[in-house]
Amino acid sequence: MKHVALFIILLGLWLLLTLNLRTANMLAGITAALVTTLFFGRYFVTGIRKFLEPMRYLWLLVFLVIFIWECLKANFDVAYRVIHPKMPIRPGIIKVKLDLKSDFAKVMLANSITMTPGTLSVDLIGDILYVHWIYVRTSDPEKYSEFITSKFEKYIKRIFD
């Protein structure tokens, strides 16, 4: 069943990327999706039912809007720190306890944090994520955990957990 789901997802992505329903394009998409499914199908996630829940896609859209907004804000923040004559930075590595269960969700959160300017996920060990932060605002673990992960974690939990 998971191979069929992977094939359908890959063919759908092919069609979305090419926006072409001609016979030659469909055959190329079917071939690419079939070959990819045959070689990499065993690595696909096991919980297929998650892909069939429409609310997860709604939360994905909400997450994308919030992620883009947070990236824009972080870009301006980093630009301010670069342009400012005194270079107001207080870099540090912080330890954040995650509330996510699946490894895939943890990696998605770590990648989202890394793609946000001013932060970089350094290591992920179990439920602990180490993040390099350009300006550590507080030494209170609850406050900096909330500042770094709360915007993304609650949505990623609804999408992937």
Protein backbone atom coordinates (compact mmCIF):
# COMPACT_ATOMS: atom_id res chain seq x y z
CA MET A 1 0.00 0.00 0.00
CA LYS A 2 2.81 2.41 0.83
CA HIS A 3 4.36 1.83 -2.60
CA VAL A 4 1.09 2.80 -4.29
CA ALA A 5 0.85 5.94 -2.15
CA LEU A 6 4.45 6.88 -2.96
CA PHE A 7 3.83 6.32 -6.68
CA ILE A 8 0.74 8.55 -6.61
CA ILE A 9 2.54 11.30 -4.67
CA LEU A 10 5.53 11.23 -7.02
CA LEU A 11 3.35 11.27 -10.14
CA GLY A 12 1.32 14.15 -8.67
CA LEU A 13 4.50 16.10 -7.98
CA TRP A 14 5.70 15.43 -11.53
CA LEU A 15 2.45 16.76 -12.96
CA LEU A 16 2.53 19.81 -10.71
CA LEU A 17 6.09 20.61 -11.68
CA THR A 18 5.62 20.13 -15.42
CA LEU A 19 2.00 21.33 -15.79
CA ASN A 20 1.82 19.24 -18.96
CA LEU A 21 -0.72 16.48 -19.65
CA ARG A 22 0.60 15.36 -23.05
CA THR A 23 1.12 11.65 -23.56
CA ALA A 24 4.92 11.83 -23.70
CA ASN A 25 5.06 13.82 -20.45
CA MET A 26 2.64 11.45 -18.73
CA LEU A 27 4.72 8.44 -19.80
CA ALA A 28 7.91 10.12 -18.57
CA GLY A 29 6.23 10.93 -15.25
CA ILE A 30 4.87 7.42 -14.82
CA THR A 31 8.29 5.96 -15.64
CA ALA A 32 10.12 8.29 -13.24
CA ALA A 33 7.62 7.67 -10.45
CA LEU A 34 7.72 3.91 -11.01
CA VAL A 35 11.52 3.69 -11.04
CA THR A 36 11.79 5.92 -7.96
CA THR A 37 9.16 3.84 -6.15
CA LEU A 38 10.92 0.59 -6.99
CA PHE A 39 14.33 1.78 -5.79
CA PHE A 40 13.35 3.95 -2.82
CA GLY A 41 9.92 2.65 -1.78
CA ARG A 42 11.29 0.79 1.20
CA TYR A 43 12.48 4.09 2.72
CA PHE A 44 9.07 5.72 2.49
CA VAL A 45 7.19 6.38 5.73
CA THR A 46 5.08 3.60 7.18
CA GLY A 47 2.12 5.65 8.45
CA ILE A 48 0.35 6.21 5.14
CA ARG A 49 -2.93 7.24 6.76
CA LYS A 50 -1.31 10.55 7.70
CA PHE A 51 -1.13 11.49 4.03
CA LEU A 52 -4.85 10.93 3.58
CA GLU A 53 -6.00 13.37 6.29
CA PRO A 54 -7.02 16.66 4.62
CA MET A 55 -6.57 18.74 7.79
CA ARG A 56 -2.83 18.07 7.67
CA TYR A 57 -2.68 19.85 4.31
CA LEU A 58 -4.56 22.82 5.72
CA TRP A 59 -2.08 23.02 8.60
CA LEU A 60 0.75 22.75 6.08
CA LEU A 61 -0.54 25.84 4.28
CA VAL A 62 -0.83 27.71 7.59
CA PHE A 63 2.70 26.61 8.49
CA LEU A 64 4.08 27.83 5.16
CA VAL A 65 2.57 31.28 5.64
CA ILE A 66 3.96 31.53 9.18
CA PHE A 67 7.34 30.17 8.09
CA ILE A 68 7.63 32.74 5.28
CA TRP A 69 6.65 35.55 7.67
CA GLU A 70 9.18 34.44 10.29
CA CYS A 71 11.90 34.18 7.63
CA LEU A 72 11.18 37.72 6.46
CA LYS A 73 11.35 39.04 10.02
CA ALA A 74 14.58 37.14 10.67
CA ASN A 75 16.11 38.46 7.45
CA PHE A 76 15.49 42.04 8.54
CA ASP A 77 16.80 41.28 12.03
CA VAL A 78 20.05 39.81 10.70
CA ALA A 79 20.42 42.65 8.18
CA TYR A 80 20.03 45.15 11.04
CA ARG A 81 22.74 43.39 13.03
CA VAL A 82 25.09 43.38 10.04
CA ILE A 83 24.52 47.04 9.17
CA HIS A 84 24.61 48.34 12.76
CA PRO A 85 28.01 49.90 13.57
CA LYS A 86 28.38 48.07 16.91
CA MET A 87 27.30 44.69 15.50
CA PRO A 88 24.87 43.80 18.34
CA ILE A 89 25.25 40.04 18.54
CA ARG A 90 25.43 37.61 21.45
CA PRO A 91 25.94 34.24 19.77
CA GLY A 92 25.48 31.05 21.66
CA ILE A 93 24.34 27.46 21.43
CA ILE A 94 21.12 26.72 23.24
CA LYS A 95 19.57 23.42 24.23
CA VAL A 96 15.89 23.02 23.34
CA LYS A 97 13.63 20.20 24.55
CA LEU A 98 11.28 19.09 21.76
CA ASP A 99 7.70 17.92 22.20
CA LEU A 100 7.60 16.02 18.91
CA LYS A 101 7.35 12.23 18.68
CA SER A 102 8.35 11.21 15.15
CA ASP A 103 11.90 11.56 13.90
CA PHE A 104 10.62 13.04 10.64
CA ALA A 105 8.82 15.84 12.53
CA LYS A 106 11.96 16.57 14.56
CA VAL A 107 14.05 16.82 11.39
CA MET A 108 11.45 19.08 9.76
CA LEU A 109 11.58 21.39 12.79
CA ALA A 110 15.39 21.40 12.77
CA ASN A 111 15.40 22.22 9.05
CA SER A 112 12.85 24.99 9.52
CA ILE A 113 14.99 26.53 12.24
CA THR A 114 18.11 26.24 10.08
CA MET A 115 16.40 27.92 7.12
CA THR A 116 15.47 30.88 9.32
CA PRO A 117 18.32 33.44 9.24
CA GLY A 118 20.12 33.91 12.56
CA THR A 119 19.65 30.34 13.72
CA LEU A 120 21.31 27.06 12.84
CA SER A 121 20.41 23.60 14.08
CA VAL A 122 23.65 22.04 15.26
CA ASP A 123 22.65 18.64 16.61
CA LEU A 124 19.58 16.56 17.35
CA ILE A 125 19.93 13.93 20.05
CA GLY A 126 16.70 12.21 21.04
CA ASP A 127 14.31 14.95 22.15
CA ILE A 128 17.04 17.58 22.52
CA LEU A 129 17.87 20.02 19.72
CA TYR A 130 20.98 22.17 19.92
CA VAL A 131 20.63 25.48 18.07
CA HIS A 132 23.24 28.15 17.38
CA TRP A 133 21.49 31.51 17.81
CA ILE A 134 22.97 34.81 16.65
CA TYR A 135 21.50 36.77 19.55
CA VAL A 136 20.70 34.85 22.73
CA ARG A 137 18.12 37.09 24.37
CA THR A 138 17.79 35.26 27.68
CA SER A 139 19.40 32.53 29.74
CA ASP A 140 16.04 31.05 30.80
CA PRO A 141 15.61 27.73 28.93
CA GLU A 142 11.80 27.97 28.85
CA LYS A 143 11.85 31.45 27.33
CA TYR A 144 14.42 30.78 24.64
CA SER A 145 12.83 27.41 23.83
CA GLU A 146 9.53 29.17 23.36
CA PHE A 147 11.13 31.88 21.25
CA ILE A 148 13.00 29.48 18.95
CA THR A 149 10.61 26.54 18.51
CA SER A 150 7.09 27.51 19.54
CA LYS A 151 6.19 29.23 16.27
CA PHE A 152 7.01 26.16 14.23
CA GLU A 153 6.66 23.20 16.59
CA LYS A 154 2.92 23.41 17.16
CA TYR A 155 2.20 23.36 13.42
CA ILE A 156 4.76 20.67 12.60
CA LYS A 157 3.20 18.55 15.35
CA ARG A 158 -0.21 18.85 13.68
CA ILE A 159 1.20 18.06 10.26
CA PHE A 160 3.68 15.24 10.91
CA ASP A 161 2.93 13.73 14.34
